[in-house]
């Protein structure tokens, strides 16, 4: 008898998932000046004047506002950088992160 060797022609491709995204959230407080919040949004998140004003006012009126969405490392880094900027100037400005649903 002759042996027949069959080799598969299809190769399995590994599935690559997109990284999970995280929201950076601005938390409102009654002590940090609005101009300072706008300057942090412009500096850390590279927003224009109008967009930074809109985000600041939304957080002021609703208590919180999503600033931007990034991968986890970038979101945590930016939230920490923005919070530290407030702390450095003696303000209780806070940013947090949470997974995007």
C-alpha atoms as a PDB file:
ATOM      1  CA  UNK A   1       0.000   0.000   0.000  1.00  0.00           C
ATOM      2  CA  UNK A   2       1.129   3.519  -0.707  1.00  0.00           C
ATOM      3  CA  UNK A   3       0.973   6.220   1.948  1.00  0.00           C
ATOM      4  CA  UNK A   4      -0.814   9.415   1.126  1.00  0.00           C
ATOM      5  CA  UNK A   5       0.293  12.479   3.049  1.00  0.00           C
ATOM      6  CA  UNK A   6      -2.202  15.303   3.226  1.00  0.00           C
ATOM      7  CA  UNK A   7      -0.995  18.700   4.395  1.00  0.00           C
ATOM      8  CA  UNK A   8      -3.466  21.402   5.366  1.00  0.00           C
ATOM      9  CA  UNK A   9      -3.478  24.445   3.113  1.00  0.00           C
ATOM     10  CA  UNK A  10      -5.282  26.879   5.411  1.00  0.00           C
ATOM     11  CA  UNK A  11      -3.351  28.524   8.190  1.00  0.00           C
ATOM     12  CA  UNK A  12      -4.975  29.763  11.368  1.00  0.00           C
ATOM     13  CA  UNK A  13      -4.619  33.484  11.851  1.00  0.00           C
ATOM     14  CA  UNK A  14      -4.269  34.714  15.399  1.00  0.00           C
ATOM     15  CA  UNK A  15      -7.076  37.023  16.423  1.00  0.00           C
ATOM     16  CA  UNK A  16      -5.854  40.419  17.434  1.00  0.00           C
ATOM     17  CA  UNK A  17      -8.220  42.430  19.579  1.00  0.00           C
ATOM     18  CA  UNK A  18      -8.249  46.184  19.710  1.00  0.00           C
ATOM     19  CA  UNK A  19      -7.148  47.526  23.067  1.00  0.00           C
ATOM     20  CA  UNK A  20      -9.931  48.478  25.432  1.00  0.00           C
ATOM     21  CA  UNK A  21     -10.569  52.192  25.659  1.00  0.00           C
ATOM     22  CA  UNK A  22     -10.851  54.299  28.791  1.00  0.00           C
ATOM     23  CA  UNK A  23     -12.624  57.601  29.388  1.00  0.00           C
ATOM     24  CA  UNK A  24     -10.861  60.478  31.112  1.00  0.00           C
ATOM     25  CA  UNK A  25     -13.420  62.237  33.299  1.00  0.00           C
ATOM     26  CA  UNK A  26     -13.238  65.753  34.735  1.00  0.00           C
ATOM     27  CA  UNK A  27     -14.809  65.977  38.199  1.00  0.00           C
ATOM     28  CA  UNK A  28     -16.248  69.340  39.185  1.00  0.00           C
ATOM     29  CA  UNK A  29     -15.267  71.098  42.390  1.00  0.00           C
ATOM     30  CA  UNK A  30     -16.246  74.486  43.791  1.00  0.00           C
ATOM     31  CA  UNK A  31     -12.715  75.779  44.364  1.00  0.00           C
ATOM     32  CA  UNK A  32     -10.664  75.454  41.174  1.00  0.00           C
ATOM     33  CA  UNK A  33     -10.988  78.599  39.012  1.00  0.00           C
ATOM     34  CA  UNK A  34     -12.614  78.076  35.638  1.00  0.00           C
ATOM     35  CA  UNK A  35      -9.726  79.723  33.790  1.00  0.00           C
ATOM     36  CA  UNK A  36      -7.290  77.291  35.388  1.00  0.00           C
ATOM     37  CA  UNK A  37      -9.414  74.282  34.366  1.00  0.00           C
ATOM     38  CA  UNK A  38      -9.501  75.588  30.792  1.00  0.00           C
ATOM     39  CA  UNK A  39      -5.725  76.052  30.771  1.00  0.00           C
ATOM     40  CA  UNK A  40      -5.192  72.466  32.000  1.00  0.00           C
ATOM     41  CA  UNK A  41      -7.575  71.105  29.362  1.00  0.00           C
ATOM     42  CA  UNK A  42      -5.746  73.056  26.673  1.00  0.00           C
ATOM     43  CA  UNK A  43      -2.289  72.054  27.888  1.00  0.00           C
ATOM     44  CA  UNK A  44      -2.729  68.389  28.776  1.00  0.00           C
ATOM     45  CA  UNK A  45      -5.453  67.401  26.312  1.00  0.00           C
ATOM     46  CA  UNK A  46      -4.464  69.786  23.480  1.00  0.00           C
ATOM     47  CA  UNK A  47      -7.951  71.273  23.189  1.00  0.00           C
ATOM     48  CA  UNK A  48      -8.818  74.532  21.543  1.00  0.00           C
ATOM     49  CA  UNK A  49     -10.189  77.403  23.616  1.00  0.00           C
ATOM     50  CA  UNK A  50     -13.844  76.817  22.660  1.00  0.00           C
ATOM     51  CA  UNK A  51     -13.751  73.062  23.263  1.00  0.00           C
ATOM     52  CA  UNK A  52     -11.999  73.472  26.631  1.00  0.00           C
ATOM     53  CA  UNK A  53     -14.617  76.047  27.695  1.00  0.00           C
ATOM     54  CA  UNK A  54     -17.426  73.687  26.668  1.00  0.00           C
ATOM     55  CA  UNK A  55     -15.944  70.745  28.603  1.00  0.00           C
ATOM     56  CA  UNK A  56     -15.355  72.916  31.687  1.00  0.00           C
ATOM     57  CA  UNK A  57     -18.904  74.291  31.629  1.00  0.00           C
ATOM     58  CA  UNK A  58     -20.412  70.815  31.148  1.00  0.00           C
ATOM     59  CA  UNK A  59     -18.494  69.548  34.193  1.00  0.00           C
ATOM     60  CA  UNK A  60     -19.531  72.654  36.138  1.00  0.00           C
ATOM     61  CA  UNK A  61     -23.224  72.181  35.344  1.00  0.00           C
ATOM     62  CA  UNK A  62     -23.461  68.359  35.499  1.00  0.00           C
ATOM     63  CA  UNK A  63     -20.763  67.560  38.039  1.00  0.00           C
ATOM     64  CA  UNK A  64     -18.680  65.466  35.620  1.00  0.00           C
ATOM     65  CA  UNK A  65     -17.716  65.484  31.959  1.00  0.00           C
ATOM     66  CA  UNK A  66     -15.917  63.023  29.703  1.00  0.00           C
ATOM     67  CA  UNK A  67     -12.842  64.835  28.439  1.00  0.00           C
ATOM     68  CA  UNK A  68     -11.441  62.261  26.002  1.00  0.00           C
ATOM     69  CA  UNK A  69     -11.125  58.534  25.293  1.00  0.00           C
ATOM     70  CA  UNK A  70      -7.744  56.791  25.042  1.00  0.00           C
ATOM     71  CA  UNK A  71      -6.104  53.450  25.611  1.00  0.00           C
ATOM     72  CA  UNK A  72      -5.660  52.657  29.301  1.00  0.00           C
ATOM     73  CA  UNK A  73      -2.037  53.779  29.671  1.00  0.00           C
ATOM     74  CA  UNK A  74      -2.568  57.073  27.870  1.00  0.00           C
ATOM     75  CA  UNK A  75      -5.819  57.795  29.757  1.00  0.00           C
ATOM     76  CA  UNK A  76      -4.236  57.152  33.149  1.00  0.00           C
ATOM     77  CA  UNK A  77      -1.156  59.199  32.284  1.00  0.00           C
ATOM     78  CA  UNK A  78      -3.182  62.212  31.124  1.00  0.00           C
ATOM     79  CA  UNK A  79      -5.564  62.025  34.109  1.00  0.00           C
ATOM     80  CA  UNK A  80      -2.603  61.919  36.497  1.00  0.00           C
ATOM     81  CA  UNK A  81      -0.813  64.758  34.712  1.00  0.00           C
ATOM     82  CA  UNK A  82      -3.922  66.976  34.805  1.00  0.00           C
ATOM     83  CA  UNK A  83      -4.674  66.176  38.466  1.00  0.00           C
ATOM     84  CA  UNK A  84      -1.047  66.842  39.415  1.00  0.00           C
ATOM     85  CA  UNK A  85      -1.178  70.222  37.649  1.00  0.00           C
ATOM     86  CA  UNK A  86      -4.052  71.237  39.923  1.00  0.00           C
ATOM     87  CA  UNK A  87      -2.330  69.887  43.009  1.00  0.00           C
ATOM     88  CA  UNK A  88       0.857  71.752  42.100  1.00  0.00           C
ATOM     89  CA  UNK A  89      -1.096  75.025  42.138  1.00  0.00           C
ATOM     90  CA  UNK A  90      -3.004  74.148  45.335  1.00  0.00           C
ATOM     91  CA  UNK A  91      -6.349  73.296  43.705  1.00  0.00           C
ATOM     92  CA  UNK A  92      -8.457  70.173  44.292  1.00  0.00           C
ATOM     93  CA  UNK A  93      -8.864  69.637  40.540  1.00  0.00           C
ATOM     94  CA  UNK A  94      -9.455  65.932  39.819  1.00  0.00           C
ATOM     95  CA  UNK A  95      -9.563  63.746  36.750  1.00  0.00           C
ATOM     96  CA  UNK A  96     -10.363  60.036  36.823  1.00  0.00           C
ATOM     97  CA  UNK A  97     -10.519  57.165  34.335  1.00  0.00           C
ATOM     98  CA  UNK A  98     -13.018  54.409  33.745  1.00  0.00           C
ATOM     99  CA  UNK A  99     -13.482  51.773  31.032  1.00  0.00           C
ATOM    100  CA  UNK A 100     -15.609  52.737  28.076  1.00  0.00           C
ATOM    101  CA  UNK A 101     -18.615  50.488  27.699  1.00  0.00           C
END
